[in-house]
Amino acid sequence: MHVTTTMKPPYRDKVHICSPLLVDMGFAQGTPVRAVPQQHGFTLTLGYEGCMGGYGKLIHVSAAATGKLSITVNLAGNFATTGLSVGDFLAARYEYGAISARRLPEARKYYVVGSRGCDAFLRLSGAWLCDAGFEPDTITVVSTTQDGVTFTAWSDEAARYGDIVKYARRRRCQIIQPKRNQRITVMDVSGYLLGGAGFGIGDIAGVRYEYGSIKLFKPDLRALGL
């Protein structure tokens, strides 16, 4: 999830939650929800209880014409104390009848690690890869530590491929290359690389980058209270 803003004035920051999991959590169309601000986030709880004291808001689950359920939290009034602003990314922990959302550390992007077969798999994609210097077929040296996965674009165009392979082997790195998938640049990260940095299926992966270098890191959700 991330914080966006309304399209028409008066402009207000908001968080829009749209997920098929809402049904499994007991959030049916029209259900009243108590929204309570928290430091760097908020909690959502089914029911009216506690909404009459002026703390938090009473909102309702809505449904689109397609039947998809959603909840929108407008960050106005006492919700301004959450410290959230447009562009912030949030992670959520849920159980039946309750959702807790907290702001994630600053990053350019966030992904959720998926799967390919029985292994973890992550596809980085978008124009941002080219902006970071990772054009399709760019030779990319990948190193893995407990702190995350680092991708470095090979800048020496005069180097022979065999020399690049030797360089990677000496440093126990891998070599991959971004590809063009239709009109989108993609870079696939295997379960071998992800596992070395502690990423598993379903984990959140943050992206920080500068030109020629990308860092994939795993936020500490426990430190966020999730």
C-alpha atoms as a PDB file:
ATOM      1  CA  MET A   1       0.000   0.000   0.000  1.00  0.00           C
ATOM      2  CA  HIS A   2       1.048   3.604  -0.372  1.00  0.00           C
ATOM      3  CA  VAL A   3      -0.243   7.082   0.416  1.00  0.00           C
ATOM      4  CA  THR A   4      -1.837   8.918  -2.513  1.00  0.00           C
ATOM      5  CA  THR A   5      -3.999  12.038  -2.801  1.00  0.00           C
ATOM      6  CA  THR A   6      -7.509  12.717  -4.033  1.00  0.00           C
ATOM      7  CA  MET A   7      -7.837  13.724  -7.688  1.00  0.00           C
ATOM      8  CA  LYS A   8     -10.076  16.752  -7.085  1.00  0.00           C
ATOM      9  CA  PRO A   9      -9.999  19.645  -4.586  1.00  0.00           C
ATOM     10  CA  PRO A  10     -10.028  19.859  -1.675  1.00  0.00           C
ATOM     11  CA  TYR A  11      -6.994  17.613  -2.033  1.00  0.00           C
ATOM     12  CA  ARG A  12      -6.557  15.150   0.812  1.00  0.00           C
ATOM     13  CA  ASP A  13      -4.004  12.430   1.412  1.00  0.00           C
ATOM     14  CA  LYS A  14      -5.456   8.939   1.611  1.00  0.00           C
ATOM     15  CA  VAL A  15      -4.663   5.230   1.782  1.00  0.00           C
ATOM     16  CA  HIS A  16      -6.785   2.983  -0.429  1.00  0.00           C
ATOM     17  CA  ILE A  17      -6.925  -0.717   0.461  1.00  0.00           C
ATOM     18  CA  CYS A  18      -8.300  -3.020  -2.210  1.00  0.00           C
ATOM     19  CA  SER A  19      -7.726  -6.735  -1.720  1.00  0.00           C
ATOM     20  CA  PRO A  20      -9.650 -10.001  -2.137  1.00  0.00           C
ATOM     21  CA  LEU A  21      -8.396 -10.870   1.347  1.00  0.00           C
ATOM     22  CA  LEU A  22     -10.841  -8.355   2.858  1.00  0.00           C
ATOM     23  CA  VAL A  23     -13.614 -10.938   2.590  1.00  0.00           C
ATOM     24  CA  ASP A  24     -11.563 -13.527   4.489  1.00  0.00           C
ATOM     25  CA  MET A  25     -10.898 -10.908   7.187  1.00  0.00           C
ATOM     26  CA  GLY A  26     -14.632 -10.316   7.693  1.00  0.00           C
ATOM     27  CA  PHE A  27     -14.815  -6.945   5.922  1.00  0.00           C
ATOM     28  CA  ALA A  28     -18.044  -7.225   3.897  1.00  0.00           C
ATOM     29  CA  GLN A  29     -19.689  -4.480   1.830  1.00  0.00           C
ATOM     30  CA  GLY A  30     -21.143  -1.748   4.048  1.00  0.00           C
ATOM     31  CA  THR A  31     -19.466  -3.086   7.188  1.00  0.00           C
ATOM     32  CA  PRO A  32     -18.613  -0.326   9.706  1.00  0.00           C
ATOM     33  CA  VAL A  33     -14.911  -0.003  10.461  1.00  0.00           C
ATOM     34  CA  ARG A  34     -13.239   1.868  13.286  1.00  0.00           C
ATOM     35  CA  ALA A  35     -10.082   3.598  11.998  1.00  0.00           C
ATOM     36  CA  VAL A  36      -7.641   4.725  14.704  1.00  0.00           C
ATOM     37  CA  PRO A  37      -4.432   6.728  14.038  1.00  0.00           C
ATOM     38  CA  GLN A  38      -1.148   5.308  15.283  1.00  0.00           C
ATOM     39  CA  GLN A  39       2.423   6.536  15.102  1.00  0.00           C
ATOM     40  CA  HIS A  40       3.428   6.224  11.425  1.00  0.00           C
ATOM     41  CA  GLY A  41       0.266   4.316  10.576  1.00  0.00           C
ATOM     42  CA  PHE A  42      -3.200   3.265  11.693  1.00  0.00           C
ATOM     43  CA  THR A  43      -5.356   0.323  12.740  1.00  0.00           C
ATOM     44  CA  LEU A  44      -8.705  -0.759  11.333  1.00  0.00           C
ATOM     45  CA  THR A  45     -11.155  -2.761  13.436  1.00  0.00           C
ATOM     46  CA  LEU A  46     -14.600  -4.076  12.585  1.00  0.00           C
ATOM     47  CA  GLY A  47     -17.537  -2.472  14.439  1.00  0.00           C
ATOM     48  CA  TYR A  48     -18.763   0.799  15.919  1.00  0.00           C
ATOM     49  CA  GLU A  49     -17.218   0.395  19.368  1.00  0.00           C
ATOM     50  CA  GLY A  50     -15.104   3.367  20.432  1.00  0.00           C
ATOM     51  CA  CYS A  51     -16.070   5.573  17.491  1.00  0.00           C
ATOM     52  CA  MET A  52     -18.271   7.942  19.466  1.00  0.00           C
ATOM     53  CA  GLY A  53     -15.490   9.337  21.648  1.00  0.00           C
ATOM     54  CA  GLY A  54     -13.980  11.511  18.937  1.00  0.00           C
ATOM     55  CA  TYR A  55     -10.832   9.404  18.649  1.00  0.00           C
ATOM     56  CA  GLY A  56     -10.457   7.881  15.221  1.00  0.00           C
ATOM     57  CA  LYS A  57     -13.044   7.694  12.473  1.00  0.00           C
ATOM     58  CA  LEU A  58     -15.978   5.561  11.486  1.00  0.00           C
ATOM     59  CA  ILE A  59     -15.678   4.468   7.857  1.00  0.00           C
ATOM     60  CA  HIS A  60     -17.334   1.739   5.816  1.00  0.00           C
ATOM     61  CA  VAL A  61     -16.272  -0.950   3.396  1.00  0.00           C
ATOM     62  CA  SER A  62     -17.292  -0.033  -0.147  1.00  0.00           C
ATOM     63  CA  ALA A  63     -17.680  -2.100  -3.301  1.00  0.00           C
ATOM     64  CA  ALA A  64     -17.018  -1.207  -6.950  1.00  0.00           C
ATOM     65  CA  ALA A  65     -19.298  -2.197  -9.784  1.00  0.00           C
ATOM     66  CA  THR A  66     -16.996  -5.180 -10.340  1.00  0.00           C
ATOM     67  CA  GLY A  67     -17.713  -6.362  -6.796  1.00  0.00           C
ATOM     68  CA  LYS A  68     -14.187  -5.651  -5.531  1.00  0.00           C
ATOM     69  CA  LEU A  69     -14.198  -4.512  -1.901  1.00  0.00           C
ATOM     70  CA  SER A  70     -12.100  -1.602  -0.676  1.00  0.00           C
ATOM     71  CA  ILE A  71     -11.481   0.622   2.337  1.00  0.00           C
ATOM     72  CA  THR A  72     -10.284   4.226   2.047  1.00  0.00           C
ATOM     73  CA  VAL A  73      -8.670   6.000   4.992  1.00  0.00           C
ATOM     74  CA  ASN A  74      -8.545   9.798   4.551  1.00  0.00           C
ATOM     75  CA  LEU A  75      -5.580  11.265   6.419  1.00  0.00           C
ATOM     76  CA  ALA A  76      -7.302  14.399   7.678  1.00  0.00           C
ATOM     77  CA  GLY A  77      -8.206  15.681  11.140  1.00  0.00           C
ATOM     78  CA  ASN A  78      -6.612  13.657  13.930  1.00  0.00           C
ATOM     79  CA  PHE A  79      -5.076  11.358  11.298  1.00  0.00           C
ATOM     80  CA  ALA A  80      -2.585  14.118  10.500  1.00  0.00           C
ATOM     81  CA  THR A  81      -0.740  12.959  13.653  1.00  0.00           C
ATOM     82  CA  THR A  82       0.318   9.750  11.911  1.00  0.00           C
ATOM     83  CA  GLY A  83       3.046  11.635  10.075  1.00  0.00           C
ATOM     84  CA  LEU A  84       2.173   9.943   6.795  1.00  0.00           C
ATOM     85  CA  SER A  85       2.489  11.851   3.526  1.00  0.00           C
ATOM     86  CA  VAL A  86       2.028  11.261  -0.204  1.00  0.00           C
ATOM     87  CA  GLY A  87       4.446   8.668  -1.550  1.00  0.00           C
ATOM     88  CA  ASP A  88       4.948   6.791   1.710  1.00  0.00           C
ATOM     89  CA  PHE A  89       4.801   2.993   1.453  1.00  0.00           C
ATOM     90  CA  LEU A  90       3.018   0.958   4.129  1.00  0.00           C
ATOM     91  CA  ALA A  91       3.028  -2.676   5.165  1.00  0.00           C
ATOM     92  CA  ALA A  92       0.031  -4.294   6.861  1.00  0.00           C
ATOM     93  CA  ARG A  93      -0.465  -7.180   9.258  1.00  0.00           C
ATOM     94  CA  TYR A  94      -3.953  -8.629   9.448  1.00  0.00           C
ATOM     95  CA  GLU A  95      -6.114 -11.069  11.348  1.00  0.00           C
ATOM     96  CA  TYR A  96      -9.858 -11.611  11.349  1.00  0.00           C
ATOM     97  CA  GLY A  97     -11.570  -8.265  11.943  1.00  0.00           C
ATOM     98  CA  ALA A  98      -8.410  -6.180  12.264  1.00  0.00           C
ATOM     99  CA  ILE A  99      -5.703  -4.589  10.083  1.00  0.00           C
ATOM    100  CA  SER A 100      -2.576  -2.798  11.346  1.00  0.00           C
ATOM    101  CA  ALA A 101      -0.650  -0.646   8.849  1.00  0.00           C
ATOM    102  CA  ARG A 102       2.730   1.043   9.413  1.00  0.00           C
ATOM    103  CA  ARG A 103       5.035   3.151   7.280  1.00  0.00           C
ATOM    104  CA  LEU A 104       7.965   1.337   5.717  1.00  0.00           C
ATOM    105  CA  PRO A 105      11.505   2.784   5.619  1.00  0.00           C
ATOM    106  CA  GLU A 106      12.188   5.214   2.788  1.00  0.00           C
ATOM    107  CA  ALA A 107      12.795   3.469  -0.532  1.00  0.00           C
ATOM    108  CA  ARG A 108      12.313   4.100  -4.240  1.00  0.00           C
ATOM    109  CA  LYS A 109      10.035   1.084  -4.645  1.00  0.00           C
ATOM    110  CA  TYR A 110       8.728  -1.973  -2.812  1.00  0.00           C
ATOM    111  CA  TYR A 111       7.992  -5.456  -4.105  1.00  0.00           C
ATOM    112  CA  VAL A 112       6.590  -8.664  -2.614  1.00  0.00           C
ATOM    113  CA  VAL A 113       8.709 -11.754  -3.236  1.00  0.00           C
ATOM    114  CA  GLY A 114       6.741 -14.261  -5.288  1.00  0.00           C
ATOM    115  CA  SER A 115       7.435 -17.838  -6.305  1.00  0.00           C
ATOM    116  CA  ARG A 116       8.446 -19.822  -9.348  1.00  0.00           C
ATOM    117  CA  GLY A 117       7.808 -23.475  -8.754  1.00  0.00           C
ATOM    118  CA  CYS A 118       8.812 -24.090  -5.145  1.00  0.00           C
ATOM    119  CA  ASP A 119      11.470 -21.379  -5.049  1.00  0.00           C
ATOM    120  CA  ALA A 120      11.337 -17.693  -4.192  1.00  0.00           C
ATOM    121  CA  PHE A 121      11.389 -15.427  -7.223  1.00  0.00           C
ATOM    122  CA  LEU A 122      11.343 -11.688  -7.795  1.00  0.00           C
ATOM    123  CA  ARG A 123      11.005  -9.752 -11.028  1.00  0.00           C
ATOM    124  CA  LEU A 124      12.188  -6.142 -10.937  1.00  0.00           C
ATOM    125  CA  SER A 125      10.499  -4.234 -13.729  1.00  0.00           C
ATOM    126  CA  GLY A 126       9.803  -0.778 -15.080  1.00  0.00           C
ATOM    127  CA  ALA A 127      11.388   2.260 -16.670  1.00  0.00           C
ATOM    128  CA  TRP A 128      13.238   2.952 -13.420  1.00  0.00           C
ATOM    129  CA  LEU A 129      15.739   0.184 -14.300  1.00  0.00           C
ATOM    130  CA  CYS A 130      16.905   2.151 -17.343  1.00  0.00           C
ATOM    131  CA  ASP A 131      16.974   5.355 -15.285  1.00  0.00           C
ATOM    132  CA  ALA A 132      19.322   3.538 -12.886  1.00  0.00           C
ATOM    133  CA  GLY A 133      21.642   2.526 -15.730  1.00  0.00           C
ATOM    134  CA  PHE A 134      20.380  -1.028 -16.208  1.00  0.00           C
ATOM    135  CA  GLU A 135      19.393  -1.084 -19.857  1.00  0.00           C
ATOM    136  CA  PRO A 136      18.467  -4.446 -21.422  1.00  0.00           C
ATOM    137  CA  ASP A 137      21.518  -6.754 -21.771  1.00  0.00           C
ATOM    138  CA  THR A 138      23.626  -4.679 -19.366  1.00  0.00           C
ATOM    139  CA  ILE A 139      26.089  -7.034 -17.666  1.00  0.00           C
ATOM    140  CA  THR A 140      25.185  -6.916 -13.993  1.00  0.00           C
ATOM    141  CA  VAL A 141      27.308  -8.248 -11.136  1.00  0.00           C
ATOM    142  CA  VAL A 142      25.198  -9.382  -8.184  1.00  0.00           C
ATOM    143  CA  SER A 143      26.504  -9.824  -4.637  1.00  0.00           C
ATOM    144  CA  THR A 144      24.529 -11.162  -1.686  1.00  0.00           C
ATOM    145  CA  THR A 145      25.023 -10.478   2.023  1.00  0.00           C
ATOM    146  CA  GLN A 146      22.867 -10.632   5.126  1.00  0.00           C
ATOM    147  CA  ASP A 147      22.087  -6.937   4.523  1.00  0.00           C
ATOM    148  CA  GLY A 148      20.546  -7.577   1.109  1.00  0.00           C
ATOM    149  CA  VAL A 149      21.299  -8.007  -2.582  1.00  0.00           C
ATOM    150  CA  THR A 150      23.423  -5.487  -4.501  1.00  0.00           C
ATOM    151  CA  PHE A 151      23.338  -5.133  -8.305  1.00  0.00           C
ATOM    152  CA  THR A 152      26.213  -3.297  -9.987  1.00  0.00           C
ATOM    153  CA  ALA A 153      26.199  -2.392 -13.674  1.00  0.00           C
ATOM    154  CA  TRP A 154      29.492  -3.330 -15.361  1.00  0.00           C
ATOM    155  CA  SER A 155      30.853  -0.075 -16.741  1.00  0.00           C
ATOM    156  CA  ASP A 156      34.011  -1.271 -18.514  1.00  0.00           C
ATOM    157  CA  GLU A 157      32.706  -1.918 -22.023  1.00  0.00           C
ATOM    158  CA  ALA A 158      36.170  -2.891 -23.254  1.00  0.00           C
ATOM    159  CA  ALA A 159      36.475  -5.806 -20.826  1.00  0.00           C
ATOM    160  CA  ARG A 160      36.214  -9.331 -22.213  1.00  0.00           C
ATOM    161  CA  TYR A 161      33.337 -11.433 -20.902  1.00  0.00           C
ATOM    162  CA  GLY A 162      35.766 -14.075 -19.636  1.00  0.00           C
ATOM    163  CA  ASP A 163      37.487 -11.479 -17.468  1.00  0.00           C
ATOM    164  CA  ILE A 164      34.141 -10.392 -16.043  1.00  0.00           C
ATOM    165  CA  VAL A 165      33.336 -14.010 -15.157  1.00  0.00           C
ATOM    166  CA  LYS A 166      36.698 -14.385 -13.383  1.00  0.00           C
ATOM    167  CA  TYR A 167      36.048 -11.147 -11.484  1.00  0.00           C
ATOM    168  CA  ALA A 168      32.647 -12.424 -10.335  1.00  0.00           C
ATOM    169  CA  ARG A 169      33.998 -15.823  -9.301  1.00  0.00           C
ATOM    170  CA  ARG A 170      36.788 -14.298  -7.216  1.00  0.00           C
ATOM    171  CA  ARG A 171      34.224 -12.269  -5.318  1.00  0.00           C
ATOM    172  CA  ARG A 172      31.616 -15.043  -5.187  1.00  0.00           C
ATOM    173  CA  CYS A 173      29.180 -12.974  -7.206  1.00  0.00           C
ATOM    174  CA  GLN A 174      26.674 -13.872  -9.894  1.00  0.00           C
ATOM    175  CA  ILE A 175      26.198 -12.347 -13.351  1.00  0.00           C
ATOM    176  CA  ILE A 176      22.732 -11.560 -14.719  1.00  0.00           C
ATOM    177  CA  GLN A 177      21.357  -9.253 -17.399  1.00  0.00           C
ATOM    178  CA  PRO A 178      18.154  -7.196 -17.625  1.00  0.00           C
ATOM    179  CA  LYS A 179      15.889  -8.210 -20.505  1.00  0.00           C
ATOM    180  CA  ARG A 180      13.212  -6.607 -22.609  1.00  0.00           C
ATOM    181  CA  ASN A 181       9.795  -8.143 -21.986  1.00  0.00           C
ATOM    182  CA  GLN A 182       7.613  -6.625 -24.707  1.00  0.00           C
ATOM    183  CA  ARG A 183       8.087  -2.903 -23.968  1.00  0.00           C
ATOM    184  CA  ILE A 184       9.114  -3.292 -20.328  1.00  0.00           C
ATOM    185  CA  THR A 185      12.629  -3.759 -18.967  1.00  0.00           C
ATOM    186  CA  VAL A 186      12.784  -6.592 -16.427  1.00  0.00           C
ATOM    187  CA  MET A 187      15.463  -8.181 -14.265  1.00  0.00           C
ATOM    188  CA  ASP A 188      14.730 -11.578 -12.723  1.00  0.00           C
ATOM    189  CA  VAL A 189      16.192 -12.453  -9.323  1.00  0.00           C
ATOM    190  CA  SER A 190      16.401 -16.157  -8.501  1.00  0.00           C
ATOM    191  CA  GLY A 191      15.670 -17.904  -5.233  1.00  0.00           C
ATOM    192  CA  TYR A 192      19.383 -18.668  -4.851  1.00  0.00           C
ATOM    193  CA  LEU A 193      20.237 -14.973  -4.685  1.00  0.00           C
ATOM    194  CA  LEU A 194      17.197 -14.087  -2.570  1.00  0.00           C
ATOM    195  CA  GLY A 195      17.799 -16.896  -0.081  1.00  0.00           C
ATOM    196  CA  GLY A 196      21.367 -15.749   0.521  1.00  0.00           C
ATOM    197  CA  ALA A 197      19.985 -12.436   1.809  1.00  0.00           C
ATOM    198  CA  GLY A 198      17.230 -14.046   3.884  1.00  0.00           C
ATOM    199  CA  PHE A 199      14.328 -13.374   1.528  1.00  0.00           C
ATOM    200  CA  GLY A 200      11.533 -15.927   1.352  1.00  0.00           C
ATOM    201  CA  ILE A 201       8.251 -16.214  -0.500  1.00  0.00           C
ATOM    202  CA  GLY A 202       5.882 -13.459   0.645  1.00  0.00           C
ATOM    203  CA  ASP A 203       8.594 -11.218   2.121  1.00  0.00           C
ATOM    204  CA  ILE A 204       8.675  -7.489   1.400  1.00  0.00           C
ATOM    205  CA  ALA A 205      11.675  -6.255  -0.579  1.00  0.00           C
ATOM    206  CA  GLY A 206      12.646  -2.586  -0.668  1.00  0.00           C
ATOM    207  CA  VAL A 207      14.622  -0.990  -3.499  1.00  0.00           C
ATOM    208  CA  ARG A 208      17.132   1.840  -3.193  1.00  0.00           C
ATOM    209  CA  TYR A 209      19.237   2.881  -6.147  1.00  0.00           C
ATOM    210  CA  GLU A 210      21.600   5.382  -7.671  1.00  0.00           C
ATOM    211  CA  TYR A 211      22.978   5.334 -11.172  1.00  0.00           C
ATOM    212  CA  GLY A 212      24.816   2.067 -11.756  1.00  0.00           C
ATOM    213  CA  SER A 213      23.844   0.452  -8.458  1.00  0.00           C
ATOM    214  CA  ILE A 214      20.692  -1.090  -6.981  1.00  0.00           C
ATOM    215  CA  LYS A 215      20.295  -2.312  -3.396  1.00  0.00           C
ATOM    216  CA  LEU A 216      17.530  -4.752  -2.448  1.00  0.00           C
ATOM    217  CA  PHE A 217      16.867  -4.800   1.311  1.00  0.00           C
ATOM    218  CA  LYS A 218      14.484  -6.462   3.734  1.00  0.00           C
ATOM    219  CA  PRO A 219      12.734  -4.060   6.171  1.00  0.00           C
ATOM    220  CA  ASP A 220      12.525  -5.072   9.826  1.00  0.00           C
ATOM    221  CA  LEU A 221       8.764  -5.467  10.304  1.00  0.00           C
ATOM    222  CA  ARG A 222       9.148  -6.282  14.003  1.00  0.00           C
ATOM    223  CA  ALA A 223      10.757  -2.914  14.586  1.00  0.00           C
ATOM    224  CA  LEU A 224       7.673  -1.366  12.942  1.00  0.00           C
ATOM    225  CA  GLY A 225       5.356  -3.203  15.336  1.00  0.00           C
ATOM    226  CA  LEU A 226       4.079  -5.641  12.694  1.00  0.00           C
END
